[in-house]
N, C-alpha and C. Protein backbone atom coordinates (compact mmCIF):
# COMPACT_ATOMS: atom_id res chain seq x y z
N MET A 1 5.17 31.21 187.49
CA MET A 1 5.57 30.11 188.36
C MET A 1 6.99 29.66 187.92
N PRO A 2 7.85 29.43 188.76
CA PRO A 2 9.21 29.00 188.27
C PRO A 2 9.18 27.53 187.93
N SER A 3 10.23 27.15 187.08
CA SER A 3 10.39 25.72 186.73
C SER A 3 11.69 25.23 187.43
N PHE A 4 11.55 23.98 187.79
CA PHE A 4 12.73 23.35 188.60
C PHE A 4 13.05 22.02 187.90
N TYR A 5 14.41 21.72 187.90
CA TYR A 5 14.82 20.37 187.44
C TYR A 5 14.81 19.49 188.83
N VAL A 6 14.10 18.41 188.71
CA VAL A 6 13.87 17.52 189.83
C VAL A 6 14.43 16.19 189.53
N GLU A 7 15.34 15.62 190.37
CA GLU A 7 15.77 14.27 190.25
C GLU A 7 15.34 13.48 191.44
N ILE A 8 14.87 12.17 191.17
CA ILE A 8 14.45 11.33 192.25
C ILE A 8 15.25 10.08 192.02
N VAL A 9 15.94 9.65 192.97
CA VAL A 9 16.75 8.39 192.93
C VAL A 9 16.14 7.29 193.83
N CYS A 10 15.98 6.16 193.23
CA CYS A 10 15.42 5.12 194.04
C CYS A 10 16.29 3.83 193.82
N ARG A 11 16.32 3.01 194.87
CA ARG A 11 17.14 1.77 194.85
C ARG A 11 16.27 0.59 195.00
N ALA A 12 16.43 -0.41 194.23
CA ALA A 12 15.82 -1.68 194.35
C ALA A 12 16.13 -2.38 195.66
N VAL A 13 15.30 -2.77 196.45
CA VAL A 13 15.48 -3.38 197.68
C VAL A 13 15.04 -4.88 197.70
N SER A 14 14.40 -5.35 196.67
CA SER A 14 14.06 -6.68 196.57
C SER A 14 15.18 -7.43 195.86
N GLU A 15 15.16 -8.79 196.08
CA GLU A 15 16.28 -9.59 195.51
C GLU A 15 16.02 -9.88 194.12
N LEU A 16 16.76 -9.13 193.24
CA LEU A 16 16.71 -9.28 191.82
C LEU A 16 18.04 -9.55 191.25
N THR A 17 18.13 -10.47 190.27
CA THR A 17 19.53 -10.65 189.61
C THR A 17 19.71 -9.40 188.75
N GLU A 18 20.96 -9.16 188.26
CA GLU A 18 21.17 -8.12 187.38
C GLU A 18 20.18 -8.09 186.15
N VAL A 19 20.09 -9.32 185.54
CA VAL A 19 19.20 -9.38 184.42
C VAL A 19 17.80 -9.05 184.81
N GLU A 20 17.29 -9.46 185.92
CA GLU A 20 15.92 -9.13 186.29
C GLU A 20 15.79 -7.60 186.60
N PHE A 21 16.88 -7.04 187.25
CA PHE A 21 16.87 -5.55 187.41
C PHE A 21 16.76 -4.82 186.17
N GLU A 22 17.49 -5.23 185.17
CA GLU A 22 17.53 -4.53 183.93
C GLU A 22 16.15 -4.70 183.23
N ALA A 23 15.53 -5.88 183.31
CA ALA A 23 14.21 -6.00 182.71
C ALA A 23 13.23 -5.04 183.51
N ALA A 24 13.26 -5.02 184.80
CA ALA A 24 12.39 -4.18 185.59
C ALA A 24 12.59 -2.66 185.22
N ALA A 25 13.86 -2.26 185.12
CA ALA A 25 14.15 -0.95 184.77
C ALA A 25 13.64 -0.60 183.41
N ASP A 26 13.74 -1.53 182.45
CA ASP A 26 13.19 -1.30 181.14
C ASP A 26 11.61 -1.08 181.22
N SER A 27 11.03 -1.87 182.02
CA SER A 27 9.54 -1.73 182.25
C SER A 27 9.21 -0.43 182.84
N VAL A 28 9.91 0.05 183.89
CA VAL A 28 9.66 1.27 184.50
C VAL A 28 9.77 2.42 183.52
N ALA A 29 10.88 2.37 182.75
CA ALA A 29 11.10 3.44 181.73
C ALA A 29 9.94 3.47 180.75
N GLY A 30 9.56 2.33 180.30
CA GLY A 30 8.40 2.30 179.33
C GLY A 30 7.10 2.94 179.96
N GLU A 31 6.84 2.55 181.25
CA GLU A 31 5.67 3.17 181.91
C GLU A 31 5.86 4.61 182.12
N LEU A 32 6.96 5.06 182.46
CA LEU A 32 7.24 6.43 182.69
C LEU A 32 7.02 7.27 181.42
N PHE A 33 7.51 6.87 180.34
CA PHE A 33 7.42 7.64 179.12
C PHE A 33 5.99 7.50 178.44
N SER A 34 5.28 6.55 178.96
CA SER A 34 3.88 6.52 178.40
C SER A 34 2.88 7.40 179.22
N LEU A 35 3.33 7.87 180.38
CA LEU A 35 2.53 8.82 181.12
C LEU A 35 2.50 10.25 180.52
N GLU A 36 1.50 10.90 180.54
CA GLU A 36 1.39 12.26 179.97
C GLU A 36 2.42 13.15 180.60
N VAL A 37 2.57 13.12 181.98
CA VAL A 37 3.60 13.82 182.65
C VAL A 37 4.97 13.26 182.46
N GLY A 38 5.14 12.17 181.83
CA GLY A 38 6.43 11.61 181.61
C GLY A 38 7.18 12.04 180.37
N HIS A 39 6.40 12.70 179.47
CA HIS A 39 6.99 13.24 178.18
C HIS A 39 8.13 14.28 178.51
N GLY A 40 9.29 14.02 178.04
CA GLY A 40 10.39 14.88 178.27
C GLY A 40 11.26 14.53 179.43
N ALA A 41 10.76 13.52 180.18
CA ALA A 41 11.44 13.11 181.44
C ALA A 41 12.80 12.36 180.99
N ARG A 42 13.63 12.32 182.04
CA ARG A 42 14.91 11.58 181.84
C ARG A 42 14.85 10.32 182.82
N PHE A 43 15.44 9.33 182.36
CA PHE A 43 15.48 8.11 183.12
C PHE A 43 16.81 7.42 182.95
N ALA A 44 17.43 6.88 184.03
CA ALA A 44 18.65 6.14 183.94
C ALA A 44 18.60 5.00 184.97
N ALA A 45 19.16 3.87 184.62
CA ALA A 45 19.24 2.72 185.53
C ALA A 45 20.79 2.34 185.67
N THR A 46 21.13 2.00 186.92
CA THR A 46 22.43 1.50 187.13
C THR A 46 22.48 0.18 187.84
N PRO A 47 22.59 -0.93 187.07
CA PRO A 47 22.45 -2.25 187.65
C PRO A 47 23.49 -2.55 188.79
N ARG A 48 24.77 -2.03 188.70
CA ARG A 48 25.72 -2.27 189.76
C ARG A 48 25.22 -1.76 191.05
N THR A 49 24.60 -0.65 191.16
CA THR A 49 24.16 -0.07 192.40
C THR A 49 22.65 -0.24 192.69
N ARG A 50 21.96 -0.84 191.59
CA ARG A 50 20.62 -1.26 191.69
C ARG A 50 19.68 0.06 191.84
N GLU A 51 20.17 1.17 191.22
CA GLU A 51 19.42 2.42 191.34
C GLU A 51 18.74 2.90 190.01
N VAL A 52 17.68 3.46 190.19
CA VAL A 52 17.05 4.17 189.02
C VAL A 52 16.97 5.70 189.37
N THR A 53 17.10 6.49 188.36
CA THR A 53 17.14 7.92 188.46
C THR A 53 16.06 8.53 187.55
N PHE A 54 15.17 9.32 188.08
CA PHE A 54 14.12 9.93 187.32
C PHE A 54 14.46 11.38 187.31
N GLY A 55 14.31 12.11 186.08
CA GLY A 55 14.54 13.49 186.03
C GLY A 55 13.43 14.27 185.35
N PHE A 56 13.03 15.34 185.89
CA PHE A 56 11.80 15.99 185.36
C PHE A 56 12.06 17.51 185.34
N LEU A 57 11.42 18.25 184.43
CA LEU A 57 11.41 19.64 184.50
C LEU A 57 9.98 20.02 184.92
N LEU A 58 9.78 20.50 186.18
CA LEU A 58 8.43 20.77 186.67
C LEU A 58 8.19 22.22 187.09
N ASP A 59 6.97 22.61 187.07
CA ASP A 59 6.67 23.96 187.56
C ASP A 59 6.09 23.89 188.91
N GLY A 60 6.51 24.87 189.76
CA GLY A 60 5.94 24.90 191.07
C GLY A 60 6.45 26.09 191.83
N TRP A 61 5.75 26.57 192.94
CA TRP A 61 6.13 27.75 193.58
C TRP A 61 7.35 27.43 194.54
N THR A 62 7.46 26.18 195.10
CA THR A 62 8.54 25.90 196.03
C THR A 62 9.14 24.60 195.70
N LYS A 63 10.38 24.39 196.21
CA LYS A 63 11.04 23.07 196.07
C LYS A 63 10.19 21.95 196.59
N GLY A 64 9.56 22.15 197.70
CA GLY A 64 8.68 21.14 198.28
C GLY A 64 7.65 20.67 197.38
N ASP A 65 7.01 21.68 196.62
CA ASP A 65 5.95 21.33 195.71
C ASP A 65 6.43 20.43 194.57
N VAL A 66 7.62 20.80 193.95
CA VAL A 66 7.96 20.06 192.92
C VAL A 66 8.64 18.63 193.22
N LEU A 67 9.17 18.68 194.48
CA LEU A 67 9.79 17.38 195.00
C LEU A 67 8.63 16.32 195.21
N ARG A 68 7.39 16.89 195.69
CA ARG A 68 6.31 16.01 195.94
C ARG A 68 5.81 15.60 194.58
N LYS A 69 5.67 16.41 193.63
CA LYS A 69 5.24 16.10 192.22
C LYS A 69 6.15 15.02 191.65
N GLY A 70 7.52 15.26 191.78
CA GLY A 70 8.46 14.31 191.17
C GLY A 70 8.36 13.00 191.85
N SER A 71 8.17 12.90 193.09
CA SER A 71 8.10 11.62 193.76
C SER A 71 6.86 10.87 193.29
N ALA A 72 5.77 11.64 193.17
CA ALA A 72 4.55 11.00 192.77
C ALA A 72 4.62 10.41 191.36
N ILE A 73 5.25 11.16 190.41
CA ILE A 73 5.47 10.64 189.06
C ILE A 73 6.26 9.38 189.14
N ALA A 74 7.43 9.41 189.86
CA ALA A 74 8.24 8.26 189.96
C ALA A 74 7.55 7.05 190.56
N ARG A 75 6.81 7.28 191.62
CA ARG A 75 6.00 6.21 192.27
C ARG A 75 5.01 5.67 191.28
N THR A 76 4.29 6.46 190.48
CA THR A 76 3.29 6.06 189.58
C THR A 76 3.98 5.21 188.49
N ALA A 77 5.12 5.55 187.95
CA ALA A 77 5.79 4.74 186.99
C ALA A 77 6.28 3.36 187.60
N LEU A 78 6.70 3.45 188.81
CA LEU A 78 7.10 2.05 189.53
C LEU A 78 5.87 1.17 189.68
N HIS A 79 4.75 1.72 190.10
CA HIS A 79 3.63 0.94 190.25
C HIS A 79 3.00 0.35 188.98
N ALA A 80 3.01 1.22 187.92
CA ALA A 80 2.55 0.85 186.66
C ALA A 80 3.33 -0.37 186.13
N ALA A 81 4.64 -0.40 186.47
CA ALA A 81 5.55 -1.41 186.04
C ALA A 81 5.41 -2.68 186.86
N GLY A 82 4.59 -2.62 187.88
CA GLY A 82 4.45 -3.83 188.75
C GLY A 82 5.28 -3.77 190.02
N GLY A 83 6.00 -2.75 190.21
CA GLY A 83 6.74 -2.60 191.40
C GLY A 83 5.93 -2.08 192.56
N GLU A 84 6.18 -2.50 193.76
CA GLU A 84 5.47 -2.04 194.85
C GLU A 84 6.31 -0.99 195.59
N THR A 85 5.66 0.07 196.08
CA THR A 85 6.35 1.11 196.79
C THR A 85 5.67 1.63 197.98
N PRO A 86 4.87 0.81 198.67
CA PRO A 86 4.17 1.33 199.85
C PRO A 86 5.17 1.94 200.88
N ASP A 87 5.03 3.14 201.16
CA ASP A 87 5.98 3.94 201.97
C ASP A 87 7.46 3.82 201.40
N TRP A 88 7.59 3.52 200.14
CA TRP A 88 8.91 3.36 199.45
C TRP A 88 9.80 2.36 200.11
N THR A 89 9.15 1.28 200.65
CA THR A 89 10.03 0.26 201.31
C THR A 89 9.93 -1.11 200.71
N SER A 90 9.18 -1.39 199.75
CA SER A 90 9.06 -2.77 199.24
C SER A 90 10.10 -3.06 198.14
N ASP A 91 9.76 -2.90 196.81
CA ASP A 91 10.66 -3.30 195.75
C ASP A 91 11.65 -2.17 195.57
N PHE A 92 11.25 -0.86 195.73
CA PHE A 92 12.10 0.18 195.49
C PHE A 92 11.90 1.20 196.67
N GLU A 93 13.00 1.85 197.14
CA GLU A 93 12.96 2.88 198.07
C GLU A 93 13.51 4.12 197.60
N GLU A 94 12.98 5.27 197.90
CA GLU A 94 13.49 6.56 197.39
C GLU A 94 14.74 6.86 198.41
N ILE A 95 15.79 7.05 197.76
CA ILE A 95 16.98 7.32 198.59
C ILE A 95 17.56 8.77 198.39
N GLU A 96 17.06 9.57 197.40
CA GLU A 96 17.61 10.86 197.21
C GLU A 96 16.59 11.67 196.36
N ARG A 97 16.45 12.95 196.60
CA ARG A 97 15.65 13.75 195.71
C ARG A 97 16.16 15.22 195.80
N THR A 98 16.24 15.74 194.69
CA THR A 98 16.83 17.19 194.70
C THR A 98 16.03 18.02 193.64
N ALA A 99 16.05 19.30 193.85
CA ALA A 99 15.42 20.22 192.98
C ALA A 99 16.26 21.46 192.84
N LYS A 100 16.50 21.94 191.63
CA LYS A 100 17.10 23.25 191.36
C LYS A 100 16.32 24.05 190.41
N LYS A 101 16.22 25.28 190.58
CA LYS A 101 15.58 26.20 189.73
C LYS A 101 16.14 26.01 188.30
N GLU A 102 15.39 26.06 187.30
CA GLU A 102 15.88 26.02 185.99
C GLU A 102 16.86 27.00 185.65
N SER A 103 16.76 28.18 186.27
CA SER A 103 17.64 29.36 186.05
C SER A 103 18.91 29.11 186.72
N GLU A 104 19.08 28.15 187.73
CA GLU A 104 20.37 27.90 188.35
C GLU A 104 21.15 26.81 187.65
N LEU A 105 20.58 26.16 186.64
CA LEU A 105 21.19 25.06 185.97
C LEU A 105 22.27 25.57 185.03
N VAL A 106 23.37 24.88 184.88
CA VAL A 106 24.51 25.35 184.02
C VAL A 106 24.01 25.28 182.57
N GLY A 107 24.26 26.26 181.85
CA GLY A 107 23.85 26.36 180.39
C GLY A 107 22.41 26.91 180.21
N SER A 108 21.74 27.29 181.28
CA SER A 108 20.41 27.74 181.07
C SER A 108 20.37 29.16 180.51
């Protein structure tokens, strides 16, 4: 089964100050890394754009498979941190998701 690097980018849509966004992002990161599937994940937060980026190396037969898995992991971390994501429209919305085969990555 091939491995893919998956990135899920979400933007905060609720009204948070920059300090509140940073605190929320810290909480999401903590929850992500406490998940069994979160070990080895990457996470970045950009207060200026109010975006968080999740990165995972996931196994799957198709890009669709791993994109669904990545979205589910990101959503789980957001929920565990107290964020709401019903249909990705409440506190955070998914704005981008990509997947590349590990063999296509530079330096692989």
